[in-house]
Amino acid sequence: MALSKEQIAQRIARELKDGFYVNLGIGIPTLVANYVPKDIEIMLQSENGLLGMGEFPTEENVDADLINAGKQTVTCAKGASFFDSAESFAMIRGGHVDLTVLGAFEVDQKGNIASWMIPGKLVKGMGGAMDLVAGAENIIVAMTHANKHGVSKILKECSLPLTGVQCVKKIVSDLAVLELIDGKFHLLERAPGISVEEIVEKTEAELVISGDIPEMTFN
């Protein structure tokens, strides 16, 4: 079966490295905060001015004054700091974020990402996404592999307005883990119970398959 949102976040959490400064975008990426491995220390950054974001709060420790960029209530880790948005974006634009995880409407095999608007639909605004994809060392996209009609969202070329160009390094979808190398997506892992054939069928972009493709693990 395709992965749940929580399982996508769990798999992305395995990409975190000790000492990383990480920005989590709105949606599925925010769930990654709940699955940070216990044997590493990272700092989660929110572009509204929080460094050291923790797990989502329980009902007992909700503080309405502590929110992330998506206006969700959050907790703070030991050593957290608060600052204004100018300092926050100086951190982002200065290249001090090691990894950004964000969602997308489309990604293509050039590494381009479209994540902020669909023409003719309500546009909430760019937010910090354009700065993040331009400034971070590494970009991982959390997304569904296809839309509700079964049409691929992993394309040869994006059709929607771009958020960033040639920036995506890896995709963790509800079907697969893909890594972009030299203009081609390499299939690294597949969701448990999902066949390589189904992934190929739902991927418009060029896909490289080498040897047996293992199923994802989450521990």
Protein backbone atom coordinates (compact mmCIF):
# COMPACT_ATOMS: atom_id res chain seq x y z
CA MET A 1 0.00 0.00 0.00
CA ALA A 2 1.02 3.61 -0.52
CA LEU A 3 2.60 5.29 2.48
CA SER A 4 0.62 7.47 4.86
CA LYS A 5 1.72 11.04 5.52
CA GLU A 6 3.25 9.88 8.80
CA GLN A 7 5.23 7.13 7.06
CA ILE A 8 6.59 9.58 4.49
CA ALA A 9 7.76 11.78 7.38
CA GLN A 10 9.31 8.77 9.15
CA ARG A 11 11.29 7.85 6.05
CA ILE A 12 12.51 11.42 5.56
CA ALA A 13 13.64 11.50 9.19
CA ARG A 14 16.20 8.83 8.26
CA GLU A 15 17.90 11.43 6.03
CA LEU A 16 18.68 13.68 9.00
CA LYS A 17 22.31 13.86 10.11
CA ASP A 18 23.78 14.83 13.46
CA GLY A 19 24.41 18.58 13.66
CA PHE A 20 22.09 19.50 10.78
CA TYR A 21 20.14 22.76 10.69
CA VAL A 22 16.83 21.82 9.04
CA ASN A 23 13.82 23.74 7.78
CA LEU A 24 10.52 21.88 7.53
CA GLY A 25 7.89 23.21 5.15
CA ILE A 26 4.12 23.26 5.66
CA GLY A 27 2.18 20.01 5.42
CA ILE A 28 3.81 16.57 5.49
CA PRO A 29 7.31 18.01 6.21
CA THR A 30 6.23 19.39 9.60
CA LEU A 31 5.55 15.82 10.74
CA VAL A 32 9.26 15.00 10.44
CA ALA A 33 9.78 16.78 13.78
CA ASN A 34 7.98 13.89 15.49
CA TYR A 35 10.41 11.27 14.17
CA VAL A 36 13.90 12.71 14.68
CA PRO A 37 16.19 9.78 15.62
CA LYS A 38 17.05 9.75 19.32
CA ASP A 39 20.78 9.27 18.70
CA ILE A 40 21.30 12.56 16.83
CA GLU A 41 20.96 16.25 17.62
CA ILE A 42 19.60 18.65 15.03
CA MET A 43 18.15 22.16 15.09
CA LEU A 44 14.81 22.71 13.35
CA GLN A 45 14.35 26.20 11.96
CA SER A 46 11.07 27.95 11.19
CA GLU A 47 11.25 31.03 8.97
CA ASN A 48 8.95 33.05 11.22
CA GLY A 49 11.87 33.28 13.67
CA LEU A 50 12.34 30.11 15.68
CA LEU A 51 15.47 27.97 15.84
CA GLY A 52 15.13 24.84 17.95
CA MET A 53 11.62 23.67 17.16
CA GLY A 54 10.53 20.49 18.94
CA GLU A 55 7.80 17.92 18.47
CA PHE A 56 4.17 18.91 18.14
CA PRO A 57 2.63 19.65 21.56
CA THR A 58 0.20 17.49 23.47
CA GLU A 59 -2.95 19.05 24.91
CA GLU A 60 -1.16 19.47 28.23
CA ASN A 61 1.74 21.56 26.89
CA VAL A 62 0.15 23.66 24.15
CA ASP A 63 1.34 27.28 24.16
CA ALA A 64 -0.66 29.39 21.69
CA ASP A 65 2.23 31.86 21.42
CA LEU A 66 4.58 29.22 19.99
CA ILE A 67 3.80 28.66 16.32
CA ASN A 68 5.65 27.64 13.17
CA ALA A 69 5.46 29.32 9.78
CA GLY A 70 2.26 27.42 9.03
CA LYS A 71 0.62 28.84 12.18
CA GLN A 72 0.62 25.43 13.88
CA THR A 73 1.40 25.30 17.58
CA VAL A 74 4.81 23.78 18.31
CA THR A 75 7.17 23.10 21.18
CA CYS A 76 10.72 24.31 21.73
CA ALA A 77 13.77 22.11 22.20
CA LYS A 78 16.49 22.80 24.76
CA GLY A 79 18.60 25.73 23.56
CA ALA A 80 15.91 27.21 21.29
CA SER A 81 16.12 30.86 20.29
CA PHE A 82 13.71 33.45 18.90
CA PHE A 83 14.44 36.26 16.46
CA ASP A 84 12.77 38.45 13.86
CA SER A 85 12.05 37.42 10.28
CA ALA A 86 14.92 39.53 8.92
CA GLU A 87 17.44 37.46 10.90
CA SER A 88 15.63 34.28 9.97
CA PHE A 89 15.88 34.98 6.26
CA ALA A 90 19.49 36.10 6.64
CA MET A 91 20.15 32.60 7.98
CA ILE A 92 18.33 31.04 5.03
CA ARG A 93 19.77 33.27 2.31
CA GLY A 94 23.23 33.02 3.82
CA GLY A 95 23.29 29.27 3.20
CA HIS A 96 23.20 28.25 6.87
CA VAL A 97 20.38 25.71 6.46
CA ASP A 98 21.75 22.23 5.71
CA LEU A 99 18.49 20.64 4.62
CA THR A 100 15.07 21.87 3.56
CA VAL A 101 12.11 19.51 3.39
CA LEU A 102 9.06 20.80 1.54
CA GLY A 103 6.02 19.66 -0.38
CA ALA A 104 5.38 20.14 -4.09
CA PHE A 105 2.69 20.13 -6.76
CA GLU A 106 5.25 19.06 -9.36
CA VAL A 107 8.94 18.17 -9.64
CA ASP A 108 10.81 17.51 -12.88
CA GLN A 109 13.96 15.69 -13.91
CA LYS A 110 15.91 18.94 -14.17
CA GLY A 111 15.46 19.34 -10.42
CA ASN A 112 12.89 22.12 -10.82
CA ILE A 113 10.07 22.38 -8.29
CA ALA A 114 6.61 23.95 -8.50
CA SER A 115 5.10 24.28 -5.06
CA TRP A 116 3.36 27.58 -4.56
CA MET A 117 0.46 28.15 -6.96
CA ILE A 118 -1.95 26.56 -9.41
CA PRO A 119 -3.28 29.17 -11.88
CA GLY A 120 -6.98 29.82 -11.40
CA LYS A 121 -6.99 28.61 -7.81
CA LEU A 122 -6.62 30.51 -4.55
CA VAL A 123 -3.00 31.51 -3.98
CA LYS A 124 -1.90 31.73 -0.36
CA GLY A 125 1.46 33.24 -1.27
CA MET A 126 5.01 32.13 -1.78
CA GLY A 127 5.98 32.14 1.89
CA GLY A 128 9.66 31.37 2.39
CA ALA A 129 9.85 28.54 -0.16
CA MET A 130 11.70 30.45 -2.88
CA ASP A 131 14.40 31.58 -0.47
CA LEU A 132 14.70 28.11 1.06
CA VAL A 133 15.18 26.23 -2.21
CA ALA A 134 17.75 28.79 -3.32
CA GLY A 135 19.69 28.89 -0.06
CA ALA A 136 19.70 25.36 1.41
CA GLU A 137 22.49 22.87 0.76
CA ASN A 138 20.07 20.02 0.17
CA ILE A 139 16.40 19.83 -0.85
CA ILE A 140 14.16 16.82 -0.17
CA VAL A 141 10.59 16.87 -1.44
CA ALA A 142 7.75 15.11 0.41
CA MET A 143 4.83 14.50 -1.92
CA THR A 144 2.27 12.13 -3.36
CA HIS A 145 3.60 10.42 -6.47
CA ALA A 146 0.48 11.11 -8.54
CA ASN A 147 -2.59 13.32 -8.29
CA LYS A 148 -6.07 12.08 -7.37
CA HIS A 149 -6.64 11.09 -11.00
CA GLY A 150 -3.51 8.93 -11.04
CA VAL A 151 -1.52 11.36 -13.19
CA SER A 152 2.18 11.65 -12.39
CA LYS A 153 3.45 14.68 -10.48
CA ILE A 154 7.07 13.67 -11.17
CA LEU A 155 7.57 15.00 -14.67
CA LYS A 156 9.93 15.50 -17.55
CA GLU A 157 9.15 19.22 -17.29
CA CYS A 158 7.05 21.17 -14.79
CA SER A 159 3.93 22.85 -16.19
CA LEU A 160 3.19 25.08 -13.18
CA PRO A 161 5.00 28.29 -12.13
CA LEU A 162 8.35 27.35 -10.61
CA THR A 163 9.43 27.88 -7.03
CA GLY A 164 13.06 26.99 -7.73
CA VAL A 165 15.25 25.65 -10.52
CA GLN A 166 17.72 22.76 -10.49
CA CYS A 167 17.57 22.45 -6.72
CA VAL A 168 15.81 19.19 -5.82
CA LYS A 169 18.11 16.35 -4.77
CA LYS A 170 15.70 13.67 -3.56
CA ILE A 171 11.98 12.84 -3.44
CA VAL A 172 10.22 10.73 -0.83
CA SER A 173 6.74 10.03 -2.16
CA ASP A 174 3.98 7.74 -0.99
CA LEU A 175 5.34 5.15 -3.43
CA ALA A 176 9.11 5.52 -3.62
CA VAL A 177 12.40 7.17 -2.76
CA LEU A 178 13.96 8.79 -5.82
CA GLU A 179 17.34 10.49 -6.16
CA LEU A 180 18.06 12.91 -8.99
CA ILE A 181 21.42 12.30 -10.66
CA ASP A 182 22.47 13.93 -13.95
CA GLY A 183 18.93 14.68 -15.10
CA LYS A 184 17.46 11.27 -14.30
CA PHE A 185 15.55 9.96 -11.29
CA HIS A 186 17.10 6.84 -9.81
CA LEU A 187 14.72 4.53 -7.96
CA LEU A 188 16.32 3.76 -4.59
CA GLU A 189 13.48 2.26 -2.55
CA ARG A 190 9.83 1.38 -2.91
CA ALA A 191 6.97 1.48 -0.43
CA PRO A 192 6.17 -1.90 1.15
CA GLY A 193 3.91 -3.87 -1.17
CA ILE A 194 4.33 -1.46 -4.09
CA SER A 195 5.80 -2.98 -7.25
CA VAL A 196 8.46 -1.41 -9.45
CA GLU A 197 5.98 -1.65 -12.32
CA GLU A 198 3.44 0.56 -10.53
CA ILE A 199 6.11 3.17 -9.79
CA VAL A 200 7.20 3.18 -13.44
CA GLU A 201 3.58 3.53 -14.57
CA LYS A 202 3.05 6.57 -12.32
CA THR A 203 6.33 8.34 -13.14
CA GLU A 204 6.43 10.49 -16.27
CA ALA A 205 10.07 11.49 -15.76
CA GLU A 206 12.89 9.24 -16.93
CA LEU A 207 13.48 6.59 -14.29
CA VAL A 208 16.67 4.57 -13.80
CA ILE A 209 16.21 1.15 -12.20
CA SER A 210 19.29 -0.83 -11.25
CA GLY A 211 19.08 -4.30 -9.71
CA ASP A 212 16.57 -5.33 -7.07
CA ILE A 213 14.84 -2.33 -5.47
CA PRO A 214 14.44 -2.81 -1.70
CA GLU A 215 11.33 -1.90 0.27
CA MET A 216 11.56 1.09 2.60
CA THR A 217 12.26 0.62 6.28
CA PHE A 218 11.40 3.12 8.99
CA ASN A 219 13.60 2.25 11.98
